Amino acid sequence: MPYVNVRVTRDGVTVEQKRRVVEEITRTLVDVLGKRPEHIHVIIDEVEPENWGFAGVLTTDYRRAQE
């Protein structure tokens, strides 16, 4: 039972994009590992940008600096 957890910031990701991510991850696990689609679980966690940090800064601060 493969379990894949995808975390993205919650800003601008559409349902269609999430649907595609789930489909493509599932397809990859079927093609590469020979897993059955009905045994694959893909979870998408959406995190507020101000709750995601990298390189020592919050995503919101990083994006502001890039503008």
PDB file of N, CA and C in Angstrom:
ATOM      1  N   MET A   1       0.840  -1.172   0.000  1.00  0.00           N
ATOM      2  CA  MET A   1       0.000   0.000   0.000  1.00  0.00           C
ATOM      3  C   MET A   1       0.890   1.242   0.000  1.00  0.00           C
ATOM      4  N   PRO A   2       1.276   1.751  -1.152  1.00  0.00           N
ATOM      5  CA  PRO A   2       2.060   2.983  -1.193  1.00  0.00           C
ATOM      6  C   PRO A   2       1.249   4.169  -0.684  1.00  0.00           C
ATOM      7  N   TYR A   3       1.935   4.998   0.069  1.00  0.00           N
ATOM      8  CA  TYR A   3       1.356   6.225   0.607  1.00  0.00           C
ATOM      9  C   TYR A   3       2.291   7.356   0.205  1.00  0.00           C
ATOM     10  N   VAL A   4       1.759   8.353  -0.497  1.00  0.00           N
ATOM     11  CA  VAL A   4       2.555   9.499  -0.928  1.00  0.00           C
ATOM     12  C   VAL A   4       1.926  10.753  -0.349  1.00  0.00           C
ATOM     13  N   ASN A   5       2.739  11.565   0.318  1.00  0.00           N
ATOM     14  CA  ASN A   5       2.254  12.815   0.895  1.00  0.00           C
ATOM     15  C   ASN A   5       2.908  13.971   0.148  1.00  0.00           C
ATOM     16  N   VAL A   6       2.075  14.814  -0.462  1.00  0.00           N
ATOM     17  CA  VAL A   6       2.545  15.978  -1.209  1.00  0.00           C
ATOM     18  C   VAL A   6       2.138  17.213  -0.424  1.00  0.00           C
ATOM     19  N   ARG A   7       3.098  18.079  -0.152  1.00  0.00           N
ATOM     20  CA  ARG A   7       2.794  19.317   0.558  1.00  0.00           C
ATOM     21  C   ARG A   7       3.088  20.494  -0.359  1.00  0.00           C
ATOM     22  N   VAL A   8       2.109  21.379  -0.466  1.00  0.00           N
ATOM     23  CA  VAL A   8       2.251  22.578  -1.297  1.00  0.00           C
ATOM     24  C   VAL A   8       1.722  23.764  -0.502  1.00  0.00           C
ATOM     25  N   THR A   9       2.145  24.962  -0.904  1.00  0.00           N
ATOM     26  CA  THR A   9       1.563  26.132  -0.259  1.00  0.00           C
ATOM     27  C   THR A   9       0.168  26.354  -0.818  1.00  0.00           C
ATOM     28  N   ARG A  10      -0.700  26.837   0.037  1.00  0.00           N
ATOM     29  CA  ARG A  10      -2.107  27.035  -0.322  1.00  0.00           C
ATOM     30  C   ARG A  10      -2.276  28.390  -1.006  1.00  0.00           C
ATOM     31  N   ASP A  11      -1.958  28.423  -2.268  1.00  0.00           N
ATOM     32  CA  ASP A  11      -2.157  29.669  -3.000  1.00  0.00           C
ATOM     33  C   ASP A  11      -2.115  29.386  -4.491  1.00  0.00           C
ATOM     34  N   GLY A  12      -3.281  29.291  -5.048  1.00  0.00           N
ATOM     35  CA  GLY A  12      -3.373  29.172  -6.486  1.00  0.00           C
ATOM     36  C   GLY A  12      -3.373  27.765  -7.046  1.00  0.00           C
ATOM     37  N   VAL A  13      -3.373  26.731  -6.208  1.00  0.00           N
ATOM     38  CA  VAL A  13      -3.415  25.365  -6.717  1.00  0.00           C
ATOM     39  C   VAL A  13      -4.883  25.000  -6.928  1.00  0.00           C
ATOM     40  N   THR A  14      -5.221  24.656  -8.160  1.00  0.00           N
ATOM     41  CA  THR A  14      -6.614  24.359  -8.486  1.00  0.00           C
ATOM     42  C   THR A  14      -6.932  22.885  -8.245  1.00  0.00           C
ATOM     43  N   VAL A  15      -8.215  22.589  -8.189  1.00  0.00           N
ATOM     44  CA  VAL A  15      -8.656  21.203  -8.049  1.00  0.00           C
ATOM     45  C   VAL A  15      -8.168  20.391  -9.244  1.00  0.00           C
ATOM     46  N   GLU A  16      -8.217  20.973 -10.435  1.00  0.00           N
ATOM     47  CA  GLU A  16      -7.754  20.254 -11.630  1.00  0.00           C
ATOM     48  C   GLU A  16      -6.267  19.925 -11.522  1.00  0.00           C
ATOM     49  N   GLN A  17      -5.474  20.847 -11.022  1.00  0.00           N
ATOM     50  CA  GLN A  17      -4.041  20.570 -10.849  1.00  0.00           C
ATOM     51  C   GLN A  17      -3.825  19.462  -9.825  1.00  0.00           C
ATOM     52  N   LYS A  18      -4.576  19.487  -8.738  1.00  0.00           N
ATOM     53  CA  LYS A  18      -4.456  18.426  -7.730  1.00  0.00           C
ATOM     54  C   LYS A  18      -4.869  17.080  -8.320  1.00  0.00           C
ATOM     55  N   ARG A  19      -5.929  17.083  -9.095  1.00  0.00           N
ATOM     56  CA  ARG A  19      -6.389  15.860  -9.747  1.00  0.00           C
ATOM     57  C   ARG A  19      -5.274  15.284 -10.620  1.00  0.00           C
ATOM     58  N   ARG A  20      -4.624  16.152 -11.372  1.00  0.00           N
ATOM     59  CA  ARG A  20      -3.546  15.715 -12.267  1.00  0.00           C
ATOM     60  C   ARG A  20      -2.348  15.168 -11.476  1.00  0.00           C
ATOM     61  N   VAL A  21      -2.001  15.830 -10.380  1.00  0.00           N
ATOM     62  CA  VAL A  21      -0.904  15.351  -9.534  1.00  0.00           C
ATOM     63  C   VAL A  21      -1.206  13.938  -9.033  1.00  0.00           C
ATOM     64  N   VAL A  22      -2.424  13.725  -8.530  1.00  0.00           N
ATOM     65  CA  VAL A  22      -2.812  12.401  -8.029  1.00  0.00           C
ATOM     66  C   VAL A  22      -2.753  11.363  -9.153  1.00  0.00           C
ATOM     67  N   GLU A  23      -3.276  11.709 -10.317  1.00  0.00           N
ATOM     68  CA  GLU A  23      -3.262  10.779 -11.449  1.00  0.00           C
ATOM     69  C   GLU A  23      -1.840  10.418 -11.866  1.00  0.00           C
ATOM     70  N   GLU A  24      -0.973  11.415 -11.959  1.00  0.00           N
ATOM     71  CA  GLU A  24       0.386  11.160 -12.453  1.00  0.00           C
ATOM     72  C   GLU A  24       1.244  10.421 -11.437  1.00  0.00           C
ATOM     73  N   ILE A  25       1.088  10.740 -10.155  1.00  0.00           N
ATOM     74  CA  ILE A  25       1.822   9.988  -9.131  1.00  0.00           C
ATOM     75  C   ILE A  25       1.363   8.537  -9.133  1.00  0.00           C
ATOM     76  N   THR A  26       0.063   8.338  -9.228  1.00  0.00           N
ATOM     77  CA  THR A  26      -0.474   6.974  -9.278  1.00  0.00           C
ATOM     78  C   THR A  26       0.065   6.233 -10.486  1.00  0.00           C
ATOM     79  N   ARG A  27       0.031   6.861 -11.636  1.00  0.00           N
ATOM     80  CA  ARG A  27       0.524   6.233 -12.864  1.00  0.00           C
ATOM     81  C   ARG A  27       2.006   5.853 -12.733  1.00  0.00           C
ATOM     82  N   THR A  28       2.795   6.725 -12.135  1.00  0.00           N
ATOM     83  CA  THR A  28       4.223   6.446 -11.959  1.00  0.00           C
ATOM     84  C   THR A  28       4.438   5.225 -11.065  1.00  0.00           C
ATOM     85  N   LEU A  29       3.700   5.142  -9.970  1.00  0.00           N
ATOM     86  CA  LEU A  29       3.857   3.992  -9.076  1.00  0.00           C
ATOM     87  C   LEU A  29       3.396   2.693  -9.733  1.00  0.00           C
ATOM     88  N   VAL A  30       2.390   2.776 -10.574  1.00  0.00           N
ATOM     89  CA  VAL A  30       1.942   1.607 -11.329  1.00  0.00           C
ATOM     90  C   VAL A  30       3.015   1.199 -12.340  1.00  0.00           C
ATOM     91  N   ASP A  31       3.525   2.163 -13.107  1.00  0.00           N
ATOM     92  CA  ASP A  31       4.501   1.880 -14.158  1.00  0.00           C
ATOM     93  C   ASP A  31       5.853   1.434 -13.613  1.00  0.00           C
ATOM     94  N   VAL A  32       6.335   2.100 -12.578  1.00  0.00           N
ATOM     95  CA  VAL A  32       7.689   1.843 -12.087  1.00  0.00           C
ATOM     96  C   VAL A  32       7.725   0.682 -11.091  1.00  0.00           C
ATOM     97  N   LEU A  33       6.758   0.652 -10.184  1.00  0.00           N
ATOM     98  CA  LEU A  33       6.791  -0.359  -9.126  1.00  0.00           C
ATOM     99  C   LEU A  33       5.808  -1.504  -9.321  1.00  0.00           C
ATOM    100  N   GLY A  34       4.943  -1.374 -10.323  1.00  0.00           N
ATOM    101  CA  GLY A  34       3.969  -2.436 -10.581  1.00  0.00           C
ATOM    102  C   GLY A  34       2.860  -2.507  -9.536  1.00  0.00           C
ATOM    103  N   LYS A  35       2.599  -1.400  -8.864  1.00  0.00           N
ATOM    104  CA  LYS A  35       1.560  -1.375  -7.832  1.00  0.00           C
ATOM    105  C   LYS A  35       0.183  -1.254  -8.464  1.00  0.00           C
ATOM    106  N   ARG A  36      -0.817  -1.738  -7.750  1.00  0.00           N
ATOM    107  CA  ARG A  36      -2.190  -1.634  -8.228  1.00  0.00           C
ATOM    108  C   ARG A  36      -2.753  -0.272  -7.818  1.00  0.00           C
ATOM    109  N   PRO A  37      -3.411   0.430  -8.753  1.00  0.00           N
ATOM    110  CA  PRO A  37      -3.924   1.773  -8.459  1.00  0.00           C
ATOM    111  C   PRO A  37      -4.813   1.830  -7.220  1.00  0.00           C
ATOM    112  N   GLU A  38      -5.605   0.808  -7.011  1.00  0.00           N
ATOM    113  CA  GLU A  38      -6.526   0.835  -5.870  1.00  0.00           C
ATOM    114  C   GLU A  38      -5.820   0.687  -4.528  1.00  0.00           C
ATOM    115  N   HIS A  39      -4.528   0.419  -4.553  1.00  0.00           N
ATOM    116  CA  HIS A  39      -3.756   0.317  -3.309  1.00  0.00           C
ATOM    117  C   HIS A  39      -2.916   1.565  -3.036  1.00  0.00           C
ATOM    118  N   ILE A  40      -2.962   2.525  -3.930  1.00  0.00           N
ATOM    119  CA  ILE A  40      -2.126   3.718  -3.821  1.00  0.00           C
ATOM    120  C   ILE A  40      -2.921   4.863  -3.197  1.00  0.00           C
ATOM    121  N   HIS A  41      -2.320   5.480  -2.186  1.00  0.00           N
ATOM    122  CA  HIS A  41      -2.941   6.620  -1.515  1.00  0.00           C
ATOM    123  C   HIS A  41      -2.060   7.842  -1.720  1.00  0.00           C
ATOM    124  N   VAL A  42      -2.661   8.918  -2.212  1.00  0.00           N
ATOM    125  CA  VAL A  42      -1.942  10.178  -2.395  1.00  0.00           C
ATOM    126  C   VAL A  42      -2.677  11.242  -1.586  1.00  0.00           C
ATOM    127  N   ILE A  43      -1.954  11.856  -0.674  1.00  0.00           N
ATOM    128  CA  ILE A  43      -2.528  12.888   0.181  1.00  0.00           C
ATOM    129  C   ILE A  43      -1.884  14.221  -0.189  1.00  0.00           C
ATOM    130  N   ILE A  44      -2.700  15.239  -0.404  1.00  0.00           N
ATOM    131  CA  ILE A  44      -2.183  16.581  -0.684  1.00  0.00           C
ATOM    132  C   ILE A  44      -2.504  17.462   0.513  1.00  0.00           C
ATOM    133  N   ASP A  45      -1.447  17.927   1.166  1.00  0.00           N
ATOM    134  CA  ASP A  45      -1.595  18.864   2.277  1.00  0.00           C
ATOM    135  C   ASP A  45      -1.298  20.259   1.758  1.00  0.00           C
ATOM    136  N   GLU A  46      -2.209  21.181   2.035  1.00  0.00           N
ATOM    137  CA  GLU A  46      -1.995  22.571   1.658  1.00  0.00           C
ATOM    138  C   GLU A  46      -1.631  23.361   2.909  1.00  0.00           C
ATOM    139  N   VAL A  47      -0.524  24.058   2.835  1.00  0.00           N
ATOM    140  CA  VAL A  47      -0.001  24.812   3.970  1.00  0.00           C
ATOM    141  C   VAL A  47      -0.047  26.299   3.631  1.00  0.00           C
ATOM    142  N   GLU A  48      -0.486  27.094   4.571  1.00  0.00           N
ATOM    143  CA  GLU A  48      -0.494  28.541   4.361  1.00  0.00           C
ATOM    144  C   GLU A  48       0.949  29.011   4.146  1.00  0.00           C
ATOM    145  N   PRO A  49       1.189  29.889   3.176  1.00  0.00           N
ATOM    146  CA  PRO A  49       2.549  30.335   2.881  1.00  0.00           C
ATOM    147  C   PRO A  49       3.285  30.906   4.094  1.00  0.00           C
ATOM    148  N   GLU A  50       2.547  31.551   5.010  1.00  0.00           N
ATOM    149  CA  GLU A  50       3.219  32.098   6.183  1.00  0.00           C
ATOM    150  C   GLU A  50       3.606  31.016   7.191  1.00  0.00           C
ATOM    151  N   ASN A  51       3.180  29.776   6.934  1.00  0.00           N
ATOM    152  CA  ASN A  51       3.546  28.652   7.795  1.00  0.00           C
ATOM    153  C   ASN A  51       4.613  27.766   7.152  1.00  0.00           C
ATOM    154  N   TRP A  52       5.220  28.226   6.069  1.00  0.00           N
ATOM    155  CA  TRP A  52       6.229  27.447   5.343  1.00  0.00           C
ATOM    156  C   TRP A  52       7.481  28.303   5.243  1.00  0.00           C
ATOM    157  N   GLY A  53       8.573  27.773   5.741  1.00  0.00           N
ATOM    158  CA  GLY A  53       9.818  28.509   5.674  1.00  0.00           C
ATOM    159  C   GLY A  53      10.904  27.688   5.003  1.00  0.00           C
ATOM    160  N   PHE A  54      11.834  28.362   4.369  1.00  0.00           N
ATOM    161  CA  PHE A  54      13.001  27.700   3.776  1.00  0.00           C
ATOM    162  C   PHE A  54      14.122  28.717   3.692  1.00  0.00           C
ATOM    163  N   ALA A  55      15.324  28.230   3.728  1.00  0.00           N
ATOM    164  CA  ALA A  55      16.502  29.101   3.651  1.00  0.00           C
ATOM    165  C   ALA A  55      16.464  30.208   4.710  1.00  0.00           C
ATOM    166  N   GLY A  56      15.817  29.915   5.840  1.00  0.00           N
ATOM    167  CA  GLY A  56      15.801  30.855   6.938  1.00  0.00           C
ATOM    168  C   GLY A  56      14.739  31.925   6.895  1.00  0.00           C
ATOM    169  N   VAL A  57      13.834  31.861   5.906  1.00  0.00           N
ATOM    170  CA  VAL A  57      12.783  32.881   5.823  1.00  0.00           C
ATOM    171  C   VAL A  57      11.431  32.235   5.540  1.00  0.00           C
ATOM    172  N   LEU A  58      10.379  32.950   5.867  1.00  0.00           N
ATOM    173  CA  LEU A  58       9.034  32.487   5.527  1.00  0.00           C
ATOM    174  C   LEU A  58       8.807  32.658   4.027  1.00  0.00           C
ATOM    175  N   THR A  59       7.988  31.805   3.458  1.00  0.00           N
ATOM    176  CA  THR A  59       7.666  31.898   2.032  1.00  0.00           C
ATOM    177  C   THR A  59       7.097  33.263   1.692  1.00  0.00           C
ATOM    178  N   THR A  60       6.230  33.796   2.548  1.00  0.00           N
ATOM    179  CA  THR A  60       5.640  35.111   2.276  1.00  0.00           C
ATOM    180  C   THR A  60       6.723  36.195   2.206  1.00  0.00           C
ATOM    181  N   ASP A  61       7.706  36.133   3.102  1.00  0.00           N
ATOM    182  CA  ASP A  61       8.792  37.125   3.087  1.00  0.00           C
ATOM    183  C   ASP A  61       9.674  36.954   1.856  1.00  0.00           C
ATOM    184  N   TYR A  62       9.949  35.715   1.494  1.00  0.00           N
ATOM    185  CA  TYR A  62      10.768  35.436   0.304  1.00  0.00           C
ATOM    186  C   TYR A  62      10.091  35.997  -0.946  1.00  0.00           C
ATOM    187  N   ARG A  63       8.807  35.725  -1.075  1.00  0.00           N
ATOM    188  CA  ARG A  63       8.067  36.197  -2.259  1.00  0.00           C
ATOM    189  C   ARG A  63       8.013  37.718  -2.313  1.00  0.00           C
ATOM    190  N   ARG A  64       7.830  38.343  -1.174  1.00  0.00           N
ATOM    191  CA  ARG A  64       7.809  39.809  -1.135  1.00  0.00           C
ATOM    192  C   ARG A  64       9.130  40.374  -1.601  1.00  0.00           C
ATOM    193  N   ALA A  65      10.227  39.756  -1.192  1.00  0.00           N
ATOM    194  CA  ALA A  65      11.563  40.218  -1.581  1.00  0.00           C
ATOM    195  C   ALA A  65      11.814  40.027  -3.070  1.00  0.00           C
ATOM    196  N   GLN A  66      11.118  39.089  -3.712  1.00  0.00           N
ATOM    197  CA  GLN A  66      11.306  38.822  -5.130  1.00  0.00           C
ATOM    198  C   GLN A  66      10.539  39.800  -6.009  1.00  0.00           C
ATOM    199  N   GLU A  67       9.594  40.509  -5.437  1.00  0.00           N
ATOM    200  CA  GLU A  67       8.760  41.444  -6.227  1.00  0.00           C
ATOM    201  C   GLU A  67       9.540  42.679  -6.636  1.00  0.00           C
TER     202      GLU A  67
END
